[in-house]
N, C-alpha and C. Protein backbone atom coordinates (compact mmCIF):
# COMPACT_ATOMS: atom_id res chain seq x y z
N UNK A 1 0.86 -1.19 0.00
CA UNK A 1 0.00 0.00 0.00
C UNK A 1 0.90 1.25 0.00
N UNK A 2 0.57 2.14 -0.90
CA UNK A 2 1.36 3.37 -0.99
C UNK A 2 0.99 4.30 0.17
N UNK A 3 2.01 5.00 0.72
CA UNK A 3 1.72 5.91 1.84
C UNK A 3 0.81 7.04 1.38
N UNK A 4 -0.03 7.45 2.31
CA UNK A 4 -0.97 8.53 2.00
C UNK A 4 -0.24 9.87 1.94
N UNK A 5 -0.48 10.60 0.93
CA UNK A 5 0.12 11.92 0.79
C UNK A 5 -0.96 12.97 0.95
N UNK A 6 -0.81 13.78 1.97
CA UNK A 6 -1.78 14.84 2.21
C UNK A 6 -1.62 15.98 1.22
N UNK A 7 -2.42 17.00 1.38
CA UNK A 7 -2.32 18.16 0.50
C UNK A 7 -0.99 18.89 0.72
N UNK A 8 -0.47 19.52 -0.29
CA UNK A 8 0.81 20.23 -0.13
C UNK A 8 0.67 21.33 0.90
N UNK A 9 1.76 21.60 1.61
CA UNK A 9 1.70 22.64 2.66
C UNK A 9 1.35 24.00 2.06
N UNK A 10 0.56 24.75 2.81
CA UNK A 10 0.14 26.06 2.34
C UNK A 10 1.22 27.10 2.69
N UNK A 11 1.50 27.95 1.78
CA UNK A 11 2.47 29.02 2.02
C UNK A 11 1.74 30.33 2.15
N UNK A 12 2.20 31.11 3.10
CA UNK A 12 1.58 32.41 3.30
C UNK A 12 1.88 33.31 2.12
N UNK A 13 0.91 34.01 1.66
CA UNK A 13 1.07 34.92 0.53
C UNK A 13 0.30 36.20 0.79
N UNK A 14 0.89 37.29 0.39
CA UNK A 14 0.23 38.57 0.56
C UNK A 14 -0.91 38.72 -0.46
N UNK A 15 -1.92 39.36 0.00
CA UNK A 15 -3.00 39.67 -0.92
C UNK A 15 -2.55 40.75 -1.89
N UNK A 16 -3.34 40.95 -2.93
CA UNK A 16 -2.98 41.99 -3.91
C UNK A 16 -2.86 43.37 -3.27
N UNK A 17 -3.80 43.79 -2.41
CA UNK A 17 -3.62 45.10 -1.75
C UNK A 17 -2.36 45.14 -0.89
N UNK A 18 -2.03 44.00 -0.24
CA UNK A 18 -0.83 43.97 0.58
C UNK A 18 0.42 44.13 -0.25
N UNK A 19 0.45 43.47 -1.41
CA UNK A 19 1.61 43.59 -2.29
C UNK A 19 1.76 45.03 -2.79
N UNK A 20 0.64 45.64 -3.10
CA UNK A 20 0.69 47.03 -3.57
C UNK A 20 1.23 47.95 -2.47
N UNK A 21 0.76 47.73 -1.22
CA UNK A 21 1.22 48.56 -0.11
C UNK A 21 2.72 48.40 0.12
N UNK A 22 3.22 47.15 0.06
CA UNK A 22 4.64 46.90 0.25
C UNK A 22 5.45 47.57 -0.87
N UNK A 23 4.97 47.44 -2.10
CA UNK A 23 5.68 48.03 -3.23
C UNK A 23 5.73 49.55 -3.11
N UNK A 24 4.60 50.14 -2.69
CA UNK A 24 4.58 51.60 -2.53
C UNK A 24 5.54 52.03 -1.43
N UNK A 25 5.55 51.28 -0.31
CA UNK A 25 6.44 51.63 0.79
C UNK A 25 7.90 51.54 0.37
N UNK A 26 8.27 50.46 -0.32
CA UNK A 26 9.66 50.31 -0.77
C UNK A 26 10.02 51.42 -1.76
N UNK A 27 9.09 51.72 -2.66
CA UNK A 27 9.35 52.78 -3.63
C UNK A 27 9.53 54.13 -2.97
N UNK A 28 8.70 54.40 -1.94
CA UNK A 28 8.80 55.68 -1.23
C UNK A 28 10.14 55.81 -0.51
N UNK A 29 10.57 54.73 0.16
CA UNK A 29 11.86 54.75 0.86
C UNK A 29 13.00 54.94 -0.14
N UNK A 30 12.93 54.24 -1.27
CA UNK A 30 13.99 54.35 -2.28
C UNK A 30 14.07 55.77 -2.85
N UNK A 31 12.91 56.35 -3.15
CA UNK A 31 12.90 57.72 -3.69
C UNK A 31 13.43 58.70 -2.65
N UNK A 32 13.02 58.52 -1.37
CA UNK A 32 13.50 59.40 -0.32
C UNK A 32 15.01 59.30 -0.14
N UNK A 33 15.53 58.08 -0.19
CA UNK A 33 16.98 57.89 -0.03
C UNK A 33 17.74 58.53 -1.19
N UNK A 34 17.26 58.33 -2.40
CA UNK A 34 17.91 58.92 -3.57
C UNK A 34 17.86 60.45 -3.51
N UNK A 35 16.72 60.99 -3.07
CA UNK A 35 16.60 62.44 -2.96
C UNK A 35 17.59 62.99 -1.93
N UNK A 36 17.69 62.31 -0.78
CA UNK A 36 18.61 62.75 0.27
C UNK A 36 20.06 62.71 -0.24
N UNK A 37 20.44 61.60 -0.85
CA UNK A 37 21.80 61.48 -1.35
C UNK A 37 22.10 62.53 -2.42
N UNK A 38 21.10 62.80 -3.26
CA UNK A 38 21.29 63.79 -4.31
C UNK A 38 21.49 65.19 -3.74
N UNK A 39 20.71 65.56 -2.73
CA UNK A 39 20.85 66.89 -2.14
C UNK A 39 22.19 67.04 -1.42
N UNK A 40 22.60 66.01 -0.69
CA UNK A 40 23.89 66.07 0.00
C UNK A 40 25.03 66.12 -1.01
N UNK A 41 24.89 65.38 -2.10
CA UNK A 41 25.93 65.40 -3.14
C UNK A 41 26.06 66.79 -3.74
N UNK A 42 24.94 67.44 -4.05
CA UNK A 42 24.99 68.79 -4.60
C UNK A 42 25.61 69.77 -3.60
N UNK A 43 25.43 69.49 -2.31
CA UNK A 43 25.97 70.38 -1.28
C UNK A 43 27.49 70.29 -1.21
N UNK A 44 28.04 69.07 -1.32
CA UNK A 44 29.48 68.89 -1.14
C UNK A 44 30.24 68.90 -2.46
N UNK A 45 29.54 68.75 -3.58
CA UNK A 45 30.23 68.68 -4.87
C UNK A 45 30.75 70.05 -5.28
N UNK A 46 31.75 70.09 -6.14
CA UNK A 46 32.20 71.39 -6.68
C UNK A 46 31.06 72.12 -7.35
N UNK A 47 31.15 73.44 -7.35
CA UNK A 47 30.09 74.25 -7.93
C UNK A 47 29.84 73.86 -9.38
N UNK A 48 28.58 73.68 -9.72
CA UNK A 48 28.21 73.31 -11.08
C UNK A 48 26.88 73.96 -11.42
N UNK A 49 26.44 73.79 -12.67
CA UNK A 49 25.21 74.44 -13.14
C UNK A 49 24.01 74.06 -12.29
N UNK A 50 23.88 72.77 -11.96
CA UNK A 50 22.72 72.30 -11.21
C UNK A 50 22.73 72.83 -9.78
N UNK A 51 23.89 72.79 -9.12
CA UNK A 51 23.95 73.26 -7.74
C UNK A 51 23.75 74.77 -7.67
N UNK A 52 24.23 75.51 -8.67
CA UNK A 52 24.01 76.95 -8.69
C UNK A 52 22.54 77.29 -8.88
N UNK A 53 21.88 76.53 -9.73
CA UNK A 53 20.47 76.80 -10.03
C UNK A 53 19.58 76.54 -8.82
N UNK A 54 19.97 75.57 -7.99
CA UNK A 54 19.13 75.17 -6.85
C UNK A 54 19.85 75.41 -5.52
N UNK A 55 20.67 76.44 -5.45
CA UNK A 55 21.45 76.70 -4.23
C UNK A 55 20.55 76.86 -3.01
N UNK A 56 19.49 77.66 -3.13
CA UNK A 56 18.63 77.92 -1.98
C UNK A 56 17.92 76.66 -1.52
N UNK A 57 17.42 75.87 -2.47
CA UNK A 57 16.71 74.64 -2.10
C UNK A 57 17.65 73.65 -1.42
N UNK A 58 18.87 73.53 -1.92
CA UNK A 58 19.84 72.62 -1.32
C UNK A 58 20.20 73.07 0.09
N UNK A 59 20.44 74.37 0.26
CA UNK A 59 20.79 74.89 1.58
C UNK A 59 19.65 74.71 2.58
N UNK A 60 18.42 74.97 2.14
CA UNK A 60 17.27 74.81 3.03
C UNK A 60 17.12 73.37 3.49
N UNK A 61 17.47 72.42 2.62
CA UNK A 61 17.33 71.01 2.99
C UNK A 61 18.49 70.54 3.89
N UNK A 62 19.70 70.96 3.56
CA UNK A 62 20.89 70.44 4.24
C UNK A 62 21.06 71.05 5.63
N UNK A 63 20.90 72.37 5.74
CA UNK A 63 21.15 73.03 7.03
C UNK A 63 19.91 72.99 7.91
N UNK A 64 20.10 72.79 9.24
CA UNK A 64 21.40 72.53 9.88
C UNK A 64 21.68 71.06 10.13
N UNK A 65 20.65 70.20 10.00
CA UNK A 65 20.81 68.81 10.45
C UNK A 65 21.81 68.01 9.62
N UNK A 66 21.92 68.28 8.31
CA UNK A 66 22.72 67.42 7.44
C UNK A 66 23.97 68.11 6.91
N UNK A 67 24.43 69.14 7.61
CA UNK A 67 25.60 69.86 7.14
C UNK A 67 26.81 68.93 7.07
N UNK A 68 27.60 69.08 6.02
CA UNK A 68 28.81 68.29 5.83
C UNK A 68 30.02 69.23 5.89
N UNK A 69 31.12 68.72 6.43
CA UNK A 69 32.35 69.51 6.44
C UNK A 69 33.54 68.56 6.41
N UNK A 70 34.74 69.15 6.29
CA UNK A 70 35.96 68.36 6.14
C UNK A 70 36.87 68.51 7.36
N UNK A 71 36.30 68.82 8.54
CA UNK A 71 37.13 69.04 9.71
C UNK A 71 37.85 67.78 10.17
N UNK A 72 37.37 66.62 9.72
CA UNK A 72 38.07 65.37 10.06
C UNK A 72 39.51 65.41 9.57
N UNK A 73 39.76 66.13 8.47
CA UNK A 73 41.08 66.17 7.87
C UNK A 73 41.82 67.47 8.19
N UNK A 74 41.37 68.17 9.25
CA UNK A 74 42.04 69.42 9.63
C UNK A 74 43.49 69.14 10.01
N UNK A 75 44.42 70.04 9.63
CA UNK A 75 45.84 69.78 9.93
C UNK A 75 46.16 69.80 11.42
N UNK A 76 45.33 70.49 12.21
CA UNK A 76 45.57 70.56 13.65
C UNK A 76 44.29 70.18 14.38
N UNK A 77 44.24 69.02 15.01
CA UNK A 77 43.01 68.59 15.68
C UNK A 77 42.68 69.47 16.87
N UNK A 78 41.44 69.37 17.34
CA UNK A 78 41.01 70.15 18.49
C UNK A 78 41.87 69.83 19.72
N UNK A 79 42.17 70.85 20.47
CA UNK A 79 42.98 70.69 21.67
C UNK A 79 42.23 71.17 22.90
N UNK A 80 40.90 71.09 22.83
CA UNK A 80 40.06 71.54 23.94
C UNK A 80 38.90 70.58 24.12
N UNK A 81 38.46 70.46 25.35
CA UNK A 81 37.21 69.78 25.65
C UNK A 81 36.13 70.85 25.82
N UNK A 82 35.09 70.79 25.01
CA UNK A 82 34.01 71.77 25.08
C UNK A 82 32.73 71.06 25.49
N UNK A 83 32.21 71.44 26.65
CA UNK A 83 30.95 70.88 27.13
C UNK A 83 29.88 71.97 27.08
N UNK A 84 28.76 71.64 26.47
CA UNK A 84 27.62 72.56 26.42
C UNK A 84 26.74 72.29 27.63
N UNK A 85 26.48 73.33 28.40
CA UNK A 85 25.65 73.23 29.59
C UNK A 85 24.44 74.14 29.44
N UNK A 86 23.40 73.88 30.21
CA UNK A 86 22.19 74.70 30.12
C UNK A 86 21.47 74.70 31.45
N UNK A 87 20.66 75.72 31.65
CA UNK A 87 19.80 75.79 32.82
C UNK A 87 18.46 76.38 32.41
N UNK A 88 17.46 76.22 33.26
CA UNK A 88 16.10 76.66 32.93
C UNK A 88 15.53 77.49 34.07
N UNK A 89 14.66 78.40 33.70
CA UNK A 89 13.88 79.16 34.67
C UNK A 89 12.47 78.59 34.65
N UNK A 90 11.98 78.22 35.82
CA UNK A 90 10.71 77.49 35.92
C UNK A 90 9.72 78.30 36.76
N UNK A 91 8.49 78.39 36.24
CA UNK A 91 7.42 79.04 36.99
C UNK A 91 6.58 77.96 37.67
N UNK A 92 6.58 77.97 38.99
CA UNK A 92 5.85 76.97 39.75
C UNK A 92 4.36 77.22 39.77
N UNK A 93 3.63 76.31 40.37
CA UNK A 93 2.17 76.46 40.45
C UNK A 93 1.75 77.65 41.29
N UNK A 94 2.66 78.12 42.16
CA UNK A 94 2.35 79.29 42.98
C UNK A 94 2.72 80.60 42.28
N UNK A 95 3.24 80.50 41.04
CA UNK A 95 3.60 81.68 40.28
C UNK A 95 5.02 82.16 40.49
N UNK A 96 5.72 81.58 41.46
CA UNK A 96 7.10 82.00 41.72
C UNK A 96 8.06 81.37 40.73
N UNK A 97 9.14 82.10 40.43
CA UNK A 97 10.15 81.64 39.50
C UNK A 97 11.34 81.05 40.25
N UNK A 98 11.87 79.98 39.70
CA UNK A 98 13.09 79.38 40.26
C UNK A 98 14.01 78.99 39.10
N UNK A 99 15.29 78.97 39.38
CA UNK A 99 16.28 78.66 38.35
C UNK A 99 17.01 77.38 38.71
N UNK A 100 17.10 76.47 37.77
CA UNK A 100 17.80 75.22 38.01
C UNK A 100 19.31 75.47 38.01
N UNK A 101 20.05 74.48 38.46
CA UNK A 101 21.50 74.53 38.30
C UNK A 101 21.88 74.23 36.86
N UNK A 102 23.15 74.42 36.56
CA UNK A 102 23.63 74.12 35.22
C UNK A 102 23.66 72.61 35.00
N UNK A 103 23.10 72.20 33.89
CA UNK A 103 23.04 70.77 33.52
C UNK A 103 24.03 70.55 32.38
N UNK A 104 24.91 69.57 32.54
CA UNK A 104 25.92 69.27 31.53
C UNK A 104 25.29 68.40 30.44
N UNK A 105 24.81 69.04 29.37
CA UNK A 105 24.16 68.29 28.29
C UNK A 105 25.16 67.41 27.54
N UNK A 106 26.36 67.92 27.34
CA UNK A 106 27.39 67.11 26.68
C UNK A 106 27.73 65.90 27.53
N UNK A 107 27.81 66.09 28.84
CA UNK A 107 28.08 64.97 29.74
C UNK A 107 27.01 63.90 29.65
N UNK A 108 25.75 64.32 29.49
CA UNK A 108 24.66 63.36 29.33
C UNK A 108 24.86 62.53 28.06
N UNK A 109 25.26 63.20 26.98
CA UNK A 109 25.49 62.46 25.73
C UNK A 109 26.64 61.48 25.87
N UNK A 110 27.70 61.91 26.55
CA UNK A 110 28.86 61.03 26.75
C UNK A 110 28.47 59.81 27.59
N UNK A 111 27.68 60.02 28.63
CA UNK A 111 27.23 58.91 29.47
C UNK A 111 26.37 57.93 28.66
N UNK A 112 25.54 58.49 27.75
CA UNK A 112 24.69 57.62 26.93
C UNK A 112 25.52 56.80 25.93
N UNK A 113 26.67 57.33 25.51
CA UNK A 113 27.51 56.62 24.54
C UNK A 113 28.45 55.62 25.20
N UNK A 114 28.80 55.87 26.45
CA UNK A 114 29.78 55.02 27.13
C UNK A 114 29.27 53.58 27.22
N UNK A 115 30.12 52.65 26.80
CA UNK A 115 29.82 51.22 26.80
C UNK A 115 28.71 50.85 25.79
N UNK A 116 28.35 51.79 24.92
CA UNK A 116 27.36 51.50 23.88
C UNK A 116 28.11 51.27 22.57
N UNK A 117 28.09 50.03 22.04
CA UNK A 117 28.87 49.76 20.82
C UNK A 117 28.30 50.46 19.59
N UNK A 118 27.04 50.87 19.63
CA UNK A 118 26.42 51.52 18.49
C UNK A 118 25.70 52.80 18.92
N UNK A 119 26.45 53.81 19.37
CA UNK A 119 25.79 55.06 19.79
C UNK A 119 25.15 55.74 18.60
N UNK A 120 24.08 56.46 18.87
CA UNK A 120 23.34 57.11 17.79
C UNK A 120 24.09 58.33 17.28
N UNK A 121 23.77 58.72 16.06
CA UNK A 121 24.35 59.93 15.48
C UNK A 121 23.97 61.15 16.31
N UNK A 122 22.75 61.16 16.85
CA UNK A 122 22.30 62.28 17.67
C UNK A 122 23.18 62.44 18.90
N UNK A 123 23.44 61.33 19.59
CA UNK A 123 24.27 61.38 20.79
C UNK A 123 25.68 61.85 20.47
N UNK A 124 26.20 61.48 19.33
CA UNK A 124 27.58 61.80 19.00
C UNK A 124 27.75 63.22 18.47
N UNK A 125 26.79 63.71 17.69
CA UNK A 125 27.06 64.91 16.92
C UNK A 125 26.06 66.05 17.03
N UNK A 126 24.82 65.80 17.40
CA UNK A 126 23.81 66.85 17.29
C UNK A 126 24.18 68.09 18.11
N UNK A 127 24.41 67.91 19.40
CA UNK A 127 24.70 69.05 20.27
C UNK A 127 26.03 69.69 19.92
N UNK A 128 27.03 68.87 19.65
CA UNK A 128 28.36 69.40 19.31
C UNK A 128 28.29 70.24 18.05
N UNK A 129 27.62 69.77 17.02
CA UNK A 129 27.54 70.51 15.77
C UNK A 129 26.66 71.75 15.93
N UNK A 130 25.62 71.66 16.75
CA UNK A 130 24.77 72.83 16.96
C UNK A 130 25.56 73.95 17.62
N UNK A 131 26.38 73.62 18.61
CA UNK A 131 27.18 74.65 19.27
C UNK A 131 28.22 75.23 18.31
N UNK A 132 28.87 74.37 17.55
CA UNK A 132 29.86 74.83 16.58
C UNK A 132 29.22 75.72 15.53
N UNK A 133 28.03 75.35 15.08
CA UNK A 133 27.29 76.14 14.10
C UNK A 133 26.97 77.52 14.67
N UNK A 134 26.58 77.56 15.93
CA UNK A 134 26.25 78.84 16.57
C UNK A 134 27.49 79.72 16.68
N UNK A 135 28.58 79.17 17.19
CA UNK A 135 29.78 79.99 17.39
C UNK A 135 30.40 80.43 16.07
N UNK A 136 30.21 79.67 15.02
CA UNK A 136 30.72 80.06 13.70
C UNK A 136 29.94 81.25 13.12
N UNK A 137 28.71 81.45 13.59
CA UNK A 137 27.86 82.49 12.99
C UNK A 137 27.54 83.62 13.97
N UNK A 138 28.22 83.66 15.11
CA UNK A 138 28.05 84.74 16.08
C UNK A 138 29.42 85.15 16.61
N UNK A 139 29.59 86.45 16.87
CA UNK A 139 30.86 86.90 17.42
C UNK A 139 30.88 86.68 18.94
N UNK A 140 31.97 87.13 19.58
CA UNK A 140 32.10 86.87 21.01
C UNK A 140 31.17 87.72 21.86
N UNK A 141 30.43 88.65 21.24
CA UNK A 141 29.41 89.41 21.94
C UNK A 141 28.00 88.90 21.60
N UNK A 142 27.94 87.73 21.00
CA UNK A 142 26.69 87.05 20.62
C UNK A 142 25.91 87.82 19.56
N UNK A 143 26.61 88.59 18.76
CA UNK A 143 25.96 89.30 17.66
C UNK A 143 26.08 88.47 16.38
N UNK A 144 25.00 88.36 15.60
CA UNK A 144 25.04 87.55 14.38
C UNK A 144 25.97 88.16 13.34
N UNK A 145 26.68 87.32 12.60
CA UNK A 145 27.59 87.81 11.56
C UNK A 145 27.43 87.08 10.24
N UNK A 146 26.37 86.26 10.12
CA UNK A 146 26.20 85.49 8.88
C UNK A 146 24.77 85.52 8.37
N UNK A 147 24.04 86.59 8.65
CA UNK A 147 22.70 86.74 8.10
C UNK A 147 21.75 85.63 8.52
N UNK A 148 21.10 85.01 7.54
CA UNK A 148 20.11 83.98 7.81
C UNK A 148 20.73 82.77 8.50
N UNK A 149 21.99 82.48 8.23
CA UNK A 149 22.64 81.34 8.88
C UNK A 149 22.75 81.58 10.39
N UNK A 150 22.95 82.83 10.78
CA UNK A 150 23.01 83.13 12.22
C UNK A 150 21.67 82.84 12.88
N UNK A 151 20.58 83.29 12.24
CA UNK A 151 19.25 83.02 12.78
C UNK A 151 18.98 81.52 12.87
N UNK A 152 19.39 80.81 11.82
CA UNK A 152 19.16 79.37 11.80
C UNK A 152 19.94 78.67 12.90
N UNK A 153 21.19 79.06 13.09
CA UNK A 153 22.01 78.40 14.10
C UNK A 153 21.47 78.65 15.50
N UNK A 154 21.01 79.89 15.76
CA UNK A 154 20.46 80.21 17.08
C UNK A 154 19.18 79.42 17.33
N UNK A 155 18.29 79.39 16.34
CA UNK A 155 17.04 78.66 16.48
C UNK A 155 17.28 77.17 16.70
N UNK A 156 18.26 76.62 15.98
CA UNK A 156 18.59 75.20 16.09
C UNK A 156 19.09 74.87 17.50
N UNK A 157 20.00 75.68 18.02
CA UNK A 157 20.53 75.43 19.37
C UNK A 157 19.44 75.61 20.42
N UNK A 158 18.61 76.63 20.26
CA UNK A 158 17.50 76.83 21.20
C UNK A 158 16.58 75.62 21.23
N UNK A 159 16.27 75.11 20.05
CA UNK A 159 15.34 73.97 19.97
C UNK A 159 15.90 72.76 20.70
N UNK A 160 17.20 72.50 20.55
CA UNK A 160 17.81 71.36 21.22
C UNK A 160 17.74 71.53 22.74
N UNK A 161 18.09 72.73 23.21
CA UNK A 161 18.08 72.97 24.67
C UNK A 161 16.66 72.85 25.21
N UNK A 162 15.69 73.44 24.52
CA UNK A 162 14.30 73.36 24.99
C UNK A 162 13.82 71.92 25.06
N UNK A 163 14.17 71.13 24.04
CA UNK A 163 13.72 69.73 24.03
C UNK A 163 14.39 68.92 25.13
N UNK A 164 15.62 69.27 25.51
CA UNK A 164 16.28 68.53 26.59
C UNK A 164 15.56 68.74 27.93
N UNK A 165 15.07 69.96 28.16
CA UNK A 165 14.37 70.23 29.41
C UNK A 165 12.89 69.84 29.34
N UNK A 166 12.28 70.00 28.17
CA UNK A 166 10.86 69.74 28.04
C UNK A 166 10.04 70.95 28.48
N UNK A 167 8.73 70.94 28.24
CA UNK A 167 7.89 72.09 28.60
C UNK A 167 7.66 72.24 30.10
N UNK A 168 7.78 71.12 30.84
CA UNK A 168 7.55 71.17 32.28
C UNK A 168 8.73 70.54 32.99
N UNK A 169 9.07 71.13 34.15
CA UNK A 169 10.21 70.66 34.90
C UNK A 169 9.98 70.94 36.38
N UNK A 170 10.26 69.96 37.22
CA UNK A 170 10.11 70.12 38.68
C UNK A 170 8.71 70.60 39.07
N UNK A 171 7.69 70.12 38.34
CA UNK A 171 6.32 70.48 38.66
C UNK A 171 5.88 71.84 38.17
N UNK A 172 6.70 72.52 37.41
CA UNK A 172 6.34 73.85 36.91
C UNK A 172 6.56 73.95 35.41
N UNK A 173 6.27 75.14 34.86
CA UNK A 173 6.41 75.38 33.43
C UNK A 173 7.76 76.06 33.16
N UNK A 174 8.47 75.55 32.17
CA UNK A 174 9.72 76.16 31.76
C UNK A 174 9.41 77.42 30.96
N UNK A 175 9.92 78.56 31.41
CA UNK A 175 9.63 79.83 30.74
C UNK A 175 10.84 80.38 30.00
N UNK A 176 12.05 80.07 30.47
CA UNK A 176 13.26 80.53 29.79
C UNK A 176 14.35 79.48 29.92
N UNK A 177 15.25 79.46 28.96
CA UNK A 177 16.42 78.58 29.01
C UNK A 177 17.66 79.39 28.69
N UNK A 178 18.79 78.92 29.16
CA UNK A 178 20.06 79.59 28.91
C UNK A 178 21.13 78.53 28.69
N UNK A 179 22.02 78.79 27.76
CA UNK A 179 23.10 77.85 27.45
C UNK A 179 24.45 78.52 27.65
N UNK A 180 25.44 77.71 27.90
CA UNK A 180 26.81 78.19 27.98
C UNK A 180 27.75 77.05 27.60
N UNK A 181 28.97 77.40 27.27
CA UNK A 181 29.99 76.38 27.02
C UNK A 181 31.04 76.44 28.11
N UNK A 182 31.59 75.30 28.44
CA UNK A 182 32.70 75.19 29.39
C UNK A 182 33.87 74.59 28.63
N UNK A 183 34.88 75.41 28.35
CA UNK A 183 36.02 74.99 27.53
C UNK A 183 37.24 74.77 28.39
N UNK A 184 37.75 73.55 28.35
CA UNK A 184 38.91 73.18 29.16
C UNK A 184 40.03 72.72 28.24
N UNK A 185 41.22 73.36 28.29
CA UNK A 185 42.34 72.93 27.45
C UNK A 185 42.77 71.52 27.80
N UNK A 186 43.23 70.79 26.78
CA UNK A 186 43.75 69.45 26.98
C UNK A 186 45.27 69.53 27.12
N UNK A 187 45.82 69.14 28.26
CA UNK A 187 47.29 69.20 28.43
C UNK A 187 47.99 68.35 27.39
N UNK A 188 49.10 68.85 26.88
CA UNK A 188 49.88 68.08 25.92
C UNK A 188 50.66 66.98 26.63
N UNK A 189 50.92 65.88 25.93
CA UNK A 189 51.76 64.83 26.53
C UNK A 189 53.18 65.34 26.71
N UNK A 190 53.93 64.64 27.52
CA UNK A 190 55.28 65.08 27.83
C UNK A 190 56.16 65.13 26.60
N UNK A 191 55.86 64.28 25.59
CA UNK A 191 56.69 64.26 24.38
C UNK A 191 56.15 65.22 23.32
N UNK A 192 55.14 66.03 23.67
CA UNK A 192 54.52 66.89 22.66
C UNK A 192 55.13 68.26 22.52
N UNK A 193 56.23 68.55 23.20
CA UNK A 193 56.86 69.86 23.08
C UNK A 193 56.69 70.65 24.36
N UNK A 194 57.10 71.89 24.30
CA UNK A 194 57.08 72.73 25.49
C UNK A 194 55.82 73.58 25.61
N UNK A 195 55.04 73.74 24.52
CA UNK A 195 53.86 74.60 24.56
C UNK A 195 52.77 73.93 25.39
N UNK A 196 52.30 74.62 26.39
CA UNK A 196 51.27 74.10 27.26
C UNK A 196 50.08 75.07 27.28
N UNK A 197 48.86 74.55 27.25
CA UNK A 197 47.70 75.44 27.30
C UNK A 197 47.52 76.06 28.67
N UNK A 198 46.87 77.19 28.69
CA UNK A 198 46.59 77.84 29.98
C UNK A 198 45.63 76.97 30.79
N UNK A 199 45.88 76.83 32.10
CA UNK A 199 45.02 75.97 32.92
C UNK A 199 43.66 76.61 33.16
N UNK A 200 42.71 75.81 33.60
CA UNK A 200 41.41 76.33 33.97
C UNK A 200 40.38 76.21 32.87
N UNK A 201 39.12 76.41 33.27
CA UNK A 201 37.99 76.31 32.36
C UNK A 201 37.45 77.70 32.06
N UNK A 202 37.18 77.96 30.79
CA UNK A 202 36.64 79.24 30.35
C UNK A 202 35.18 79.04 29.95
N UNK A 203 34.30 79.93 30.40
CA UNK A 203 32.88 79.81 30.12
C UNK A 203 32.44 80.88 29.12
N UNK A 204 31.57 80.50 28.21
CA UNK A 204 30.92 81.45 27.30
C UNK A 204 29.42 81.34 27.55
N UNK A 205 28.86 82.36 28.15
CA UNK A 205 27.46 82.32 28.58
C UNK A 205 26.58 83.10 27.61
N UNK A 206 25.56 82.46 27.10
CA UNK A 206 24.63 83.07 26.16
C UNK A 206 23.49 83.76 26.90
N UNK A 207 22.75 84.64 26.22
CA UNK A 207 21.61 85.29 26.88
C UNK A 207 20.50 84.27 27.19
N UNK A 208 19.60 84.68 28.06
CA UNK A 208 18.40 83.87 28.32
C UNK A 208 17.51 83.89 27.07
N UNK A 209 16.87 82.74 26.79
CA UNK A 209 15.96 82.63 25.65
C UNK A 209 14.56 82.27 26.16
N UNK A 210 13.57 83.15 26.00
CA UNK A 210 12.19 82.77 26.32
C UNK A 210 11.76 81.60 25.43
N UNK A 211 11.12 80.61 26.00
CA UNK A 211 10.84 79.40 25.23
C UNK A 211 9.72 79.59 24.21
N UNK A 212 8.84 80.57 24.41
CA UNK A 212 7.73 80.74 23.48
C UNK A 212 7.80 82.04 22.70
N UNK A 213 8.95 82.72 22.74
CA UNK A 213 9.06 84.01 22.08
C UNK A 213 9.46 83.85 20.62
N UNK A 214 9.13 84.81 19.82
CA UNK A 214 9.52 84.82 18.42
C UNK A 214 11.04 85.07 18.33
N UNK A 215 11.68 84.66 17.20
CA UNK A 215 13.12 84.85 17.08
C UNK A 215 13.57 86.26 17.31
N UNK A 216 12.82 87.27 16.82
CA UNK A 216 13.26 88.65 16.98
C UNK A 216 13.30 89.03 18.45
N UNK A 217 12.30 88.54 19.23
CA UNK A 217 12.28 88.85 20.65
C UNK A 217 13.38 88.10 21.38
N UNK A 218 13.67 86.88 20.94
CA UNK A 218 14.72 86.09 21.57
C UNK A 218 16.07 86.74 21.40
N UNK A 219 16.27 87.39 20.26
CA UNK A 219 17.55 88.01 19.99
C UNK A 219 17.85 89.11 21.00
N UNK A 220 16.77 89.78 21.50
CA UNK A 220 16.96 90.88 22.42
C UNK A 220 16.84 90.47 23.89
N UNK A 221 16.58 89.17 24.12
CA UNK A 221 16.40 88.70 25.50
C UNK A 221 17.74 88.79 26.23
N UNK A 222 17.68 89.07 27.49
CA UNK A 222 18.92 89.16 28.27
C UNK A 222 18.72 88.50 29.62
């Protein structure tokens, strides 16, 4: 007697609408990736007819989150540790204002990366690049020197600081935030020559920024 053979095993298959949805999703991701790569390429490529024609569109897309630079190949690497710190002014339920201590935002990012084999791009670069972008477009008196790029850099840094604290803190509403940098020279090794950096930490303190104010009002906040 021949062994009984049951019906062939059923294989799961997507319905026609499911296949269409998957195809659309894959196509959307592919188009988005190609668009992103194309815009970044136009940003870093030598000046050409296409990049000149669409300079404003490329800049609006790339800055500030996707800015590219060649500082990795700088002839003289950074010789300072720069930590971005921030504090908030909070209005309690009783209407009184209180100010938090300085919070080391850079230190938080470093703690999140420590022992993490795959730290996120945000933890590694967002705050550092935002501060660098700000200082590149403002003088030492916090006055803008690069037109629209100055406004963009200030707004970008403000947004990061506000998001780190959130709208509410310690049971109250955050009404203002302030940022500063703490720059500490890195001592040279004994075999690095005789030039030594000045000891101590130098602070660069920015004005207070109202969290709900328009950019023009924020520029005049003190």
